[in-house]
Amino acid sequence: MSKFGEIIETNIPVLLDFYTEWDDACKTMHPVLRDVAAALGDKARVIKIDVEKNSELAEALRVKGLPTLMIYKQGEMKWRQSGEQDANTL
């Protein structure tokens, strides 16, 4: 959890993708997130978090639906949405 604090305390926005390997909606989001990361370059970070390997964090953030996407900036959550999203929304 302390590592999570370090990740979200940055000055640039951080897009977190809470996913699982087996969920179809999560699989659909992989190329979208790759494209978003490429388009943003060093203006933002995209970090994928496998909820099965990070269940304590997912539970603490009340991640219920998959994928769940969150945007943090300077430690503050700015946006949160569950389900598939398109690149323009992100």
PDB file of N, CA and C in Angstrom:
ATOM      1  N   MET A   1       0.824  -1.201   0.000  1.00  0.00           N
ATOM      2  CA  MET A   1       0.000   0.000   0.000  1.00  0.00           C
ATOM      3  C   MET A   1       0.866   1.263   0.000  1.00  0.00           C
ATOM      4  N   SER A   2       2.033   1.231   0.642  1.00  0.00           N
ATOM      5  CA  SER A   2       2.895   2.414   0.656  1.00  0.00           C
ATOM      6  C   SER A   2       3.396   2.716  -0.754  1.00  0.00           C
ATOM      7  N   LYS A   3       3.639   1.683  -1.538  1.00  0.00           N
ATOM      8  CA  LYS A   3       4.057   1.861  -2.934  1.00  0.00           C
ATOM      9  C   LYS A   3       2.945   2.559  -3.721  1.00  0.00           C
ATOM     10  N   PHE A   4       1.686   2.217  -3.419  1.00  0.00           N
ATOM     11  CA  PHE A   4       0.549   2.851  -4.079  1.00  0.00           C
ATOM     12  C   PHE A   4       0.568   4.358  -3.828  1.00  0.00           C
ATOM     13  N   GLY A   5       0.843   4.743  -2.591  1.00  0.00           N
ATOM     14  CA  GLY A   5       0.928   6.164  -2.257  1.00  0.00           C
ATOM     15  C   GLY A   5       1.981   6.878  -3.077  1.00  0.00           C
ATOM     16  N   GLU A   6       3.119   6.231  -3.273  1.00  0.00           N
ATOM     17  CA  GLU A   6       4.188   6.813  -4.087  1.00  0.00           C
ATOM     18  C   GLU A   6       3.745   6.981  -5.538  1.00  0.00           C
ATOM     19  N   ILE A   7       3.001   6.011  -6.038  1.00  0.00           N
ATOM     20  CA  ILE A   7       2.558   6.034  -7.432  1.00  0.00           C
ATOM     21  C   ILE A   7       1.606   7.198  -7.691  1.00  0.00           C
ATOM     22  N   ILE A   8       0.648   7.414  -6.781  1.00  0.00           N
ATOM     23  CA  ILE A   8      -0.390   8.422  -7.038  1.00  0.00           C
ATOM     24  C   ILE A   8      -0.012   9.833  -6.593  1.00  0.00           C
ATOM     25  N   GLU A   9       1.090   9.992  -5.887  1.00  0.00           N
ATOM     26  CA  GLU A   9       1.489  11.313  -5.379  1.00  0.00           C
ATOM     27  C   GLU A   9       2.275  12.137  -6.393  1.00  0.00           C
ATOM     28  N   THR A  10       2.250  11.775  -7.643  1.00  0.00           N
ATOM     29  CA  THR A  10       3.034  12.485  -8.653  1.00  0.00           C
ATOM     30  C   THR A  10       2.287  13.707  -9.182  1.00  0.00           C
ATOM     31  N   ASN A  11       3.027  14.608  -9.810  1.00  0.00           N
ATOM     32  CA  ASN A  11       2.427  15.811 -10.386  1.00  0.00           C
ATOM     33  C   ASN A  11       1.722  15.538 -11.708  1.00  0.00           C
ATOM     34  N   ILE A  12       2.111  14.452 -12.373  1.00  0.00           N
ATOM     35  CA  ILE A  12       1.425  14.116 -13.622  1.00  0.00           C
ATOM     36  C   ILE A  12       0.272  13.163 -13.304  1.00  0.00           C
ATOM     37  N   PRO A  13      -0.805  13.200 -14.109  1.00  0.00           N
ATOM     38  CA  PRO A  13      -1.930  12.290 -13.866  1.00  0.00           C
ATOM     39  C   PRO A  13      -1.508  10.827 -14.005  1.00  0.00           C
ATOM     40  N   VAL A  14      -2.135   9.982 -13.201  1.00  0.00           N
ATOM     41  CA  VAL A  14      -1.883   8.546 -13.232  1.00  0.00           C
ATOM     42  C   VAL A  14      -3.216   7.850 -13.480  1.00  0.00           C
ATOM     43  N   LEU A  15      -3.296   7.099 -14.573  1.00  0.00           N
ATOM     44  CA  LEU A  15      -4.483   6.313 -14.886  1.00  0.00           C
ATOM     45  C   LEU A  15      -4.246   4.896 -14.405  1.00  0.00           C
ATOM     46  N   LEU A  16      -5.075   4.446 -13.473  1.00  0.00           N
ATOM     47  CA  LEU A  16      -4.969   3.091 -12.945  1.00  0.00           C
ATOM     48  C   LEU A  16      -6.029   2.223 -13.589  1.00  0.00           C
ATOM     49  N   ASP A  17      -5.631   1.063 -14.051  1.00  0.00           N
ATOM     50  CA  ASP A  17      -6.539   0.085 -14.647  1.00  0.00           C
ATOM     51  C   ASP A  17      -6.539  -1.148 -13.760  1.00  0.00           C
ATOM     52  N   PHE A  18      -7.642  -1.363 -13.033  1.00  0.00           N
ATOM     53  CA  PHE A  18      -7.798  -2.566 -12.218  1.00  0.00           C
ATOM     54  C   PHE A  18      -8.459  -3.617 -13.096  1.00  0.00           C
ATOM     55  N   TYR A  19      -7.776  -4.750 -13.280  1.00  0.00           N
ATOM     56  CA  TYR A  19      -8.209  -5.745 -14.257  1.00  0.00           C
ATOM     57  C   TYR A  19      -7.932  -7.162 -13.755  1.00  0.00           C
ATOM     58  N   THR A  20      -8.431  -8.142 -14.528  1.00  0.00           N
ATOM     59  CA  THR A  20      -8.017  -9.538 -14.378  1.00  0.00           C
ATOM     60  C   THR A  20      -7.666 -10.058 -15.768  1.00  0.00           C
ATOM     61  N   GLU A  21      -6.865 -11.102 -15.810  1.00  0.00           N
ATOM     62  CA  GLU A  21      -6.450 -11.692 -17.089  1.00  0.00           C
ATOM     63  C   GLU A  21      -7.609 -12.384 -17.806  1.00  0.00           C
ATOM     64  N   TRP A  22      -8.594 -12.881 -17.051  1.00  0.00           N
ATOM     65  CA  TRP A  22      -9.641 -13.714 -17.642  1.00  0.00           C
ATOM     66  C   TRP A  22     -10.899 -12.946 -18.047  1.00  0.00           C
ATOM     67  N   ASP A  23     -11.050 -11.697 -17.653  1.00  0.00           N
ATOM     68  CA  ASP A  23     -12.269 -10.937 -17.940  1.00  0.00           C
ATOM     69  C   ASP A  23     -12.234 -10.373 -19.362  1.00  0.00           C
ATOM     70  N   ASP A  24     -13.291 -10.650 -20.144  1.00  0.00           N
ATOM     71  CA  ASP A  24     -13.331 -10.211 -21.545  1.00  0.00           C
ATOM     72  C   ASP A  24     -13.283  -8.693 -21.696  1.00  0.00           C
ATOM     73  N   ALA A  25     -14.015  -7.974 -20.843  1.00  0.00           N
ATOM     74  CA  ALA A  25     -14.005  -6.506 -20.924  1.00  0.00           C
ATOM     75  C   ALA A  25     -12.603  -5.966 -20.644  1.00  0.00           C
ATOM     76  N   CYS A  26     -11.912  -6.591 -19.715  1.00  0.00           N
ATOM     77  CA  CYS A  26     -10.536  -6.174 -19.407  1.00  0.00           C
ATOM     78  C   CYS A  26      -9.626  -6.423 -20.601  1.00  0.00           C
ATOM     79  N   LYS A  27      -9.816  -7.567 -21.261  1.00  0.00           N
ATOM     80  CA  LYS A  27      -9.006  -7.879 -22.441  1.00  0.00           C
ATOM     81  C   LYS A  27      -9.242  -6.858 -23.546  1.00  0.00           C
ATOM     82  N   THR A  28     -10.499  -6.420 -23.695  1.00  0.00           N
ATOM     83  CA  THR A  28     -10.842  -5.426 -24.706  1.00  0.00           C
ATOM     84  C   THR A  28     -10.156  -4.096 -24.427  1.00  0.00           C
ATOM     85  N   MET A  29      -9.957  -3.787 -23.157  1.00  0.00           N
ATOM     86  CA  MET A  29      -9.358  -2.508 -22.766  1.00  0.00           C
ATOM     87  C   MET A  29      -7.844  -2.456 -22.986  1.00  0.00           C
ATOM     88  N   HIS A  30      -7.172  -3.605 -23.070  1.00  0.00           N
ATOM     89  CA  HIS A  30      -5.708  -3.615 -23.208  1.00  0.00           C
ATOM     90  C   HIS A  30      -5.219  -2.756 -24.381  1.00  0.00           C
ATOM     91  N   PRO A  31      -5.730  -2.955 -25.611  1.00  0.00           N
ATOM     92  CA  PRO A  31      -5.228  -2.127 -26.718  1.00  0.00           C
ATOM     93  C   PRO A  31      -5.622  -0.656 -26.582  1.00  0.00           C
ATOM     94  N   VAL A  32      -6.785  -0.383 -25.994  1.00  0.00           N
ATOM     95  CA  VAL A  32      -7.214   1.005 -25.786  1.00  0.00           C
ATOM     96  C   VAL A  32      -6.232   1.711 -24.855  1.00  0.00           C
ATOM     97  N   LEU A  33      -5.883   1.049 -23.758  1.00  0.00           N
ATOM     98  CA  LEU A  33      -4.950   1.640 -22.796  1.00  0.00           C
ATOM     99  C   LEU A  33      -3.553   1.804 -23.389  1.00  0.00           C
ATOM    100  N   ARG A  34      -3.151   0.857 -24.211  1.00  0.00           N
ATOM    101  CA  ARG A  34      -1.849   0.960 -24.881  1.00  0.00           C
ATOM    102  C   ARG A  34      -1.822   2.204 -25.776  1.00  0.00           C
ATOM    103  N   ASP A  35      -2.922   2.414 -26.520  1.00  0.00           N
ATOM    104  CA  ASP A  35      -3.008   3.580 -27.405  1.00  0.00           C
ATOM    105  C   ASP A  35      -3.028   4.888 -26.612  1.00  0.00           C
ATOM    106  N   VAL A  36      -3.760   4.898 -25.499  1.00  0.00           N
ATOM    107  CA  VAL A  36      -3.821   6.090 -24.647  1.00  0.00           C
ATOM    108  C   VAL A  36      -2.433   6.404 -24.095  1.00  0.00           C
ATOM    109  N   ALA A  37      -1.746   5.384 -23.608  1.00  0.00           N
ATOM    110  CA  ALA A  37      -0.396   5.577 -23.061  1.00  0.00           C
ATOM    111  C   ALA A  37       0.543   6.131 -24.134  1.00  0.00           C
ATOM    112  N   ALA A  38       0.438   5.605 -25.352  1.00  0.00           N
ATOM    113  CA  ALA A  38       1.295   6.073 -26.445  1.00  0.00           C
ATOM    114  C   ALA A  38       0.972   7.522 -26.804  1.00  0.00           C
ATOM    115  N   ALA A  39      -0.316   7.860 -26.823  1.00  0.00           N
ATOM    116  CA  ALA A  39      -0.726   9.217 -27.184  1.00  0.00           C
ATOM    117  C   ALA A  39      -0.302  10.239 -26.129  1.00  0.00           C
ATOM    118  N   LEU A  40      -0.342   9.852 -24.865  1.00  0.00           N
ATOM    119  CA  LEU A  40      -0.012  10.782 -23.782  1.00  0.00           C
ATOM    120  C   LEU A  40       1.488  10.925 -23.556  1.00  0.00           C
ATOM    121  N   GLY A  41       2.240   9.908 -23.929  1.00  0.00           N
ATOM    122  CA  GLY A  41       3.689   9.966 -23.736  1.00  0.00           C
ATOM    123  C   GLY A  41       4.042  10.194 -22.275  1.00  0.00           C
ATOM    124  N   ASP A  42       4.853  11.223 -22.006  1.00  0.00           N
ATOM    125  CA  ASP A  42       5.271  11.488 -20.629  1.00  0.00           C
ATOM    126  C   ASP A  42       4.356  12.482 -19.903  1.00  0.00           C
ATOM    127  N   LYS A  43       3.189  12.784 -20.487  1.00  0.00           N
ATOM    128  CA  LYS A  43       2.232  13.696 -19.847  1.00  0.00           C
ATOM    129  C   LYS A  43       1.387  12.995 -18.792  1.00  0.00           C
ATOM    130  N   ALA A  44       1.381  11.671 -18.814  1.00  0.00           N
ATOM    131  CA  ALA A  44       0.610  10.880 -17.848  1.00  0.00           C
ATOM    132  C   ALA A  44       1.191   9.473 -17.804  1.00  0.00           C
ATOM    133  N   ARG A  45       0.828   8.741 -16.748  1.00  0.00           N
ATOM    134  CA  ARG A  45       1.254   7.344 -16.625  1.00  0.00           C
ATOM    135  C   ARG A  45       0.017   6.461 -16.640  1.00  0.00           C
ATOM    136  N   VAL A  46       0.140   5.307 -17.260  1.00  0.00           N
ATOM    137  CA  VAL A  46      -0.915   4.296 -17.234  1.00  0.00           C
ATOM    138  C   VAL A  46      -0.348   3.093 -16.501  1.00  0.00           C
ATOM    139  N   ILE A  47      -1.032   2.686 -15.436  1.00  0.00           N
ATOM    140  CA  ILE A  47      -0.562   1.573 -14.616  1.00  0.00           C
ATOM    141  C   ILE A  47      -1.668   0.537 -14.508  1.00  0.00           C
ATOM    142  N   LYS A  48      -1.326  -0.693 -14.865  1.00  0.00           N
ATOM    143  CA  LYS A  48      -2.276  -1.798 -14.797  1.00  0.00           C
ATOM    144  C   LYS A  48      -2.072  -2.544 -13.480  1.00  0.00           C
ATOM    145  N   ILE A  49      -3.187  -2.820 -12.791  1.00  0.00           N
ATOM    146  CA  ILE A  49      -3.131  -3.492 -11.498  1.00  0.00           C
ATOM    147  C   ILE A  49      -4.037  -4.715 -11.544  1.00  0.00           C
ATOM    148  N   ASP A  50      -3.436  -5.893 -11.475  1.00  0.00           N
ATOM    149  CA  ASP A  50      -4.175  -7.154 -11.480  1.00  0.00           C
ATOM    150  C   ASP A  50      -4.825  -7.323 -10.105  1.00  0.00           C
ATOM    151  N   VAL A  51      -6.171  -7.346 -10.070  1.00  0.00           N
ATOM    152  CA  VAL A  51      -6.866  -7.412  -8.777  1.00  0.00           C
ATOM    153  C   VAL A  51      -6.639  -8.743  -8.066  1.00  0.00           C
ATOM    154  N   GLU A  52      -6.331  -9.791  -8.817  1.00  0.00           N
ATOM    155  CA  GLU A  52      -6.080 -11.084  -8.177  1.00  0.00           C
ATOM    156  C   GLU A  52      -4.731 -11.088  -7.453  1.00  0.00           C
ATOM    157  N   LYS A  53      -3.784 -10.312  -7.927  1.00  0.00           N
ATOM    158  CA  LYS A  53      -2.471 -10.222  -7.285  1.00  0.00           C
ATOM    159  C   LYS A  53      -2.409  -9.082  -6.270  1.00  0.00           C
ATOM    160  N   ASN A  54      -3.382  -8.188  -6.317  1.00  0.00           N
ATOM    161  CA  ASN A  54      -3.417  -7.013  -5.435  1.00  0.00           C
ATOM    162  C   ASN A  54      -4.797  -6.866  -4.805  1.00  0.00           C
ATOM    163  N   SER A  55      -5.302  -7.964  -4.257  1.00  0.00           N
ATOM    164  CA  SER A  55      -6.670  -7.976  -3.731  1.00  0.00           C
ATOM    165  C   SER A  55      -6.861  -7.013  -2.564  1.00  0.00           C
ATOM    166  N   GLU A  56      -5.834  -6.833  -1.744  1.00  0.00           N
ATOM    167  CA  GLU A  56      -5.949  -5.925  -0.595  1.00  0.00           C
ATOM    168  C   GLU A  56      -6.163  -4.483  -1.064  1.00  0.00           C
ATOM    169  N   LEU A  57      -5.412  -4.066  -2.063  1.00  0.00           N
ATOM    170  CA  LEU A  57      -5.564  -2.721  -2.613  1.00  0.00           C
ATOM    171  C   LEU A  57      -6.928  -2.567  -3.284  1.00  0.00           C
ATOM    172  N   ALA A  58      -7.322  -3.563  -4.087  1.00  0.00           N
ATOM    173  CA  ALA A  58      -8.611  -3.509  -4.771  1.00  0.00           C
ATOM    174  C   ALA A  58      -9.756  -3.418  -3.767  1.00  0.00           C
ATOM    175  N   GLU A  59      -9.653  -4.161  -2.686  1.00  0.00           N
ATOM    176  CA  GLU A  59     -10.682  -4.128  -1.649  1.00  0.00           C
ATOM    177  C   GLU A  59     -10.695  -2.768  -0.947  1.00  0.00           C
ATOM    178  N   ALA A  60      -9.535  -2.231  -0.640  1.00  0.00           N
ATOM    179  CA  ALA A  60      -9.443  -0.931   0.038  1.00  0.00           C
ATOM    180  C   ALA A  60     -10.051   0.184  -0.817  1.00  0.00           C
ATOM    181  N   LEU A  61      -9.919   0.068  -2.144  1.00  0.00           N
ATOM    182  CA  LEU A  61     -10.465   1.074  -3.057  1.00  0.00           C
ATOM    183  C   LEU A  61     -11.870   0.717  -3.535  1.00  0.00           C
ATOM    184  N   ARG A  62     -12.430  -0.351  -2.969  1.00  0.00           N
ATOM    185  CA  ARG A  62     -13.798  -0.802  -3.275  1.00  0.00           C
ATOM    186  C   ARG A  62     -14.004  -1.072  -4.770  1.00  0.00           C
ATOM    187  N   VAL A  63     -13.044  -1.758  -5.356  1.00  0.00           N
ATOM    188  CA  VAL A  63     -13.163  -2.152  -6.761  1.00  0.00           C
ATOM    189  C   VAL A  63     -14.109  -3.339  -6.820  1.00  0.00           C
ATOM    190  N   LYS A  64     -15.252  -3.150  -7.478  1.00  0.00           N
ATOM    191  CA  LYS A  64     -16.261  -4.212  -7.594  1.00  0.00           C
ATOM    192  C   LYS A  64     -16.364  -4.707  -9.036  1.00  0.00           C
ATOM    193  N   GLY A  65     -16.604  -3.791  -9.972  1.00  0.00           N
ATOM    194  CA  GLY A  65     -16.732  -4.161 -11.373  1.00  0.00           C
ATOM    195  C   GLY A  65     -15.392  -4.098 -12.077  1.00  0.00           C
ATOM    196  N   LEU A  66     -15.294  -4.837 -13.174  1.00  0.00           N
ATOM    197  CA  LEU A  66     -14.054  -4.857 -13.951  1.00  0.00           C
ATOM    198  C   LEU A  66     -14.341  -4.513 -15.400  1.00  0.00           C
ATOM    199  N   PRO A  67     -13.451  -3.830 -16.040  1.00  0.00           N
ATOM    200  CA  PRO A  67     -12.320  -3.139 -15.434  1.00  0.00           C
ATOM    201  C   PRO A  67     -12.796  -1.913 -14.659  1.00  0.00           C
ATOM    202  N   THR A  68     -12.049  -1.503 -13.664  1.00  0.00           N
ATOM    203  CA  THR A  68     -12.285  -0.231 -12.978  1.00  0.00           C
ATOM    204  C   THR A  68     -11.090   0.660 -13.263  1.00  0.00           C
ATOM    205  N   LEU A  69     -11.389   1.854 -13.733  1.00  0.00           N
ATOM    206  CA  LEU A  69     -10.350   2.815 -14.102  1.00  0.00           C
ATOM    207  C   LEU A  69     -10.437   4.020 -13.176  1.00  0.00           C
ATOM    208  N   MET A  70      -9.291   4.506 -12.741  1.00  0.00           N
ATOM    209  CA  MET A  70      -9.221   5.679 -11.863  1.00  0.00           C
ATOM    210  C   MET A  70      -8.111   6.591 -12.348  1.00  0.00           C
ATOM    211  N   ILE A  71      -8.345   7.883 -12.217  1.00  0.00           N
ATOM    212  CA  ILE A  71      -7.297   8.854 -12.509  1.00  0.00           C
ATOM    213  C   ILE A  71      -6.985   9.611 -11.223  1.00  0.00           C
ATOM    214  N   TYR A  72      -5.703   9.596 -10.861  1.00  0.00           N
ATOM    215  CA  TYR A  72      -5.214  10.326  -9.688  1.00  0.00           C
ATOM    216  C   TYR A  72      -4.250  11.407 -10.145  1.00  0.00           C
ATOM    217  N   LYS A  73      -4.252  12.513  -9.426  1.00  0.00           N
ATOM    218  CA  LYS A  73      -3.237  13.551  -9.628  1.00  0.00           C
ATOM    219  C   LYS A  73      -2.900  14.130  -8.263  1.00  0.00           C
ATOM    220  N   GLN A  74      -1.629  14.154  -7.939  1.00  0.00           N
ATOM    221  CA  GLN A  74      -1.121  14.648  -6.661  1.00  0.00           C
ATOM    222  C   GLN A  74      -1.842  13.990  -5.481  1.00  0.00           C
ATOM    223  N   GLY A  75      -2.079  12.690  -5.603  1.00  0.00           N
ATOM    224  CA  GLY A  75      -2.662  11.910  -4.525  1.00  0.00           C
ATOM    225  C   GLY A  75      -4.167  11.984  -4.409  1.00  0.00           C
ATOM    226  N   GLU A  76      -4.817  12.738  -5.271  1.00  0.00           N
ATOM    227  CA  GLU A  76      -6.263  12.911  -5.195  1.00  0.00           C
ATOM    228  C   GLU A  76      -6.941  12.246  -6.389  1.00  0.00           C
ATOM    229  N   MET A  77      -7.998  11.452  -6.102  1.00  0.00           N
ATOM    230  CA  MET A  77      -8.739  10.824  -7.187  1.00  0.00           C
ATOM    231  C   MET A  77      -9.551  11.893  -7.914  1.00  0.00           C
ATOM    232  N   LYS A  78      -9.357  11.969  -9.226  1.00  0.00           N
ATOM    233  CA  LYS A  78     -10.050  12.963 -10.048  1.00  0.00           C
ATOM    234  C   LYS A  78     -11.202  12.362 -10.844  1.00  0.00           C
ATOM    235  N   TRP A  79     -11.134  11.040 -11.102  1.00  0.00           N
ATOM    236  CA  TRP A  79     -12.133  10.388 -11.949  1.00  0.00           C
ATOM    237  C   TRP A  79     -12.114   8.904 -11.666  1.00  0.00           C
ATOM    238  N   ARG A  80     -13.298   8.272 -11.754  1.00  0.00           N
ATOM    239  CA  ARG A  80     -13.393   6.826 -11.551  1.00  0.00           C
ATOM    240  C   ARG A  80     -14.570   6.309 -12.363  1.00  0.00           C
ATOM    241  N   GLN A  81     -14.366   5.170 -13.021  1.00  0.00           N
ATOM    242  CA  GLN A  81     -15.430   4.565 -13.814  1.00  0.00           C
ATOM    243  C   GLN A  81     -15.162   3.071 -13.942  1.00  0.00           C
ATOM    244  N   SER A  82     -16.232   2.291 -13.913  1.00  0.00           N
ATOM    245  CA  SER A  82     -16.111   0.847 -14.145  1.00  0.00           C
ATOM    246  C   SER A  82     -16.687   0.518 -15.510  1.00  0.00           C
ATOM    247  N   GLY A  83     -16.154  -0.525 -16.128  1.00  0.00           N
ATOM    248  CA  GLY A  83     -16.618  -0.956 -17.438  1.00  0.00           C
ATOM    249  C   GLY A  83     -15.711  -0.442 -18.541  1.00  0.00           C
ATOM    250  N   GLU A  84     -16.002  -0.896 -19.747  1.00  0.00           N
ATOM    251  CA  GLU A  84     -15.185  -0.515 -20.899  1.00  0.00           C
ATOM    252  C   GLU A  84     -15.334   0.973 -21.190  1.00  0.00           C
ATOM    253  N   GLN A  85     -14.240   1.604 -21.557  1.00  0.00           N
ATOM    254  CA  GLN A  85     -14.212   3.024 -21.924  1.00  0.00           C
ATOM    255  C   GLN A  85     -13.470   3.157 -23.245  1.00  0.00           C
ATOM    256  N   ASP A  86     -13.822   4.196 -24.008  1.00  0.00           N
ATOM    257  CA  ASP A  86     -13.063   4.413 -25.240  1.00  0.00           C
ATOM    258  C   ASP A  86     -11.901   5.373 -24.975  1.00  0.00           C
ATOM    259  N   ALA A  87     -11.001   5.440 -25.917  1.00  0.00           N
ATOM    260  CA  ALA A  87      -9.787   6.244 -25.746  1.00  0.00           C
ATOM    261  C   ALA A  87     -10.112   7.721 -25.539  1.00  0.00           C
ATOM    262  N   ASN A  88     -11.137   8.228 -26.213  1.00  0.00           N
ATOM    263  CA  ASN A  88     -11.493   9.644 -26.069  1.00  0.00           C
ATOM    264  C   ASN A  88     -11.968   9.964 -24.663  1.00  0.00           C
ATOM    265  N   THR A  89     -12.694   9.049 -24.033  1.00  0.00           N
ATOM    266  CA  THR A  89     -13.159   9.257 -22.662  1.00  0.00           C
ATOM    267  C   THR A  89     -11.974   9.329 -21.719  1.00  0.00           C
ATOM    268  N   LEU A  90     -11.002   8.456 -21.932  1.00  0.00           N
ATOM    269  CA  LEU A  90      -9.827   8.423 -21.070  1.00  0.00           C
ATOM    270  C   LEU A  90      -8.926   9.608 -21.333  1.00  0.00           C
TER     271      LEU A  90
END
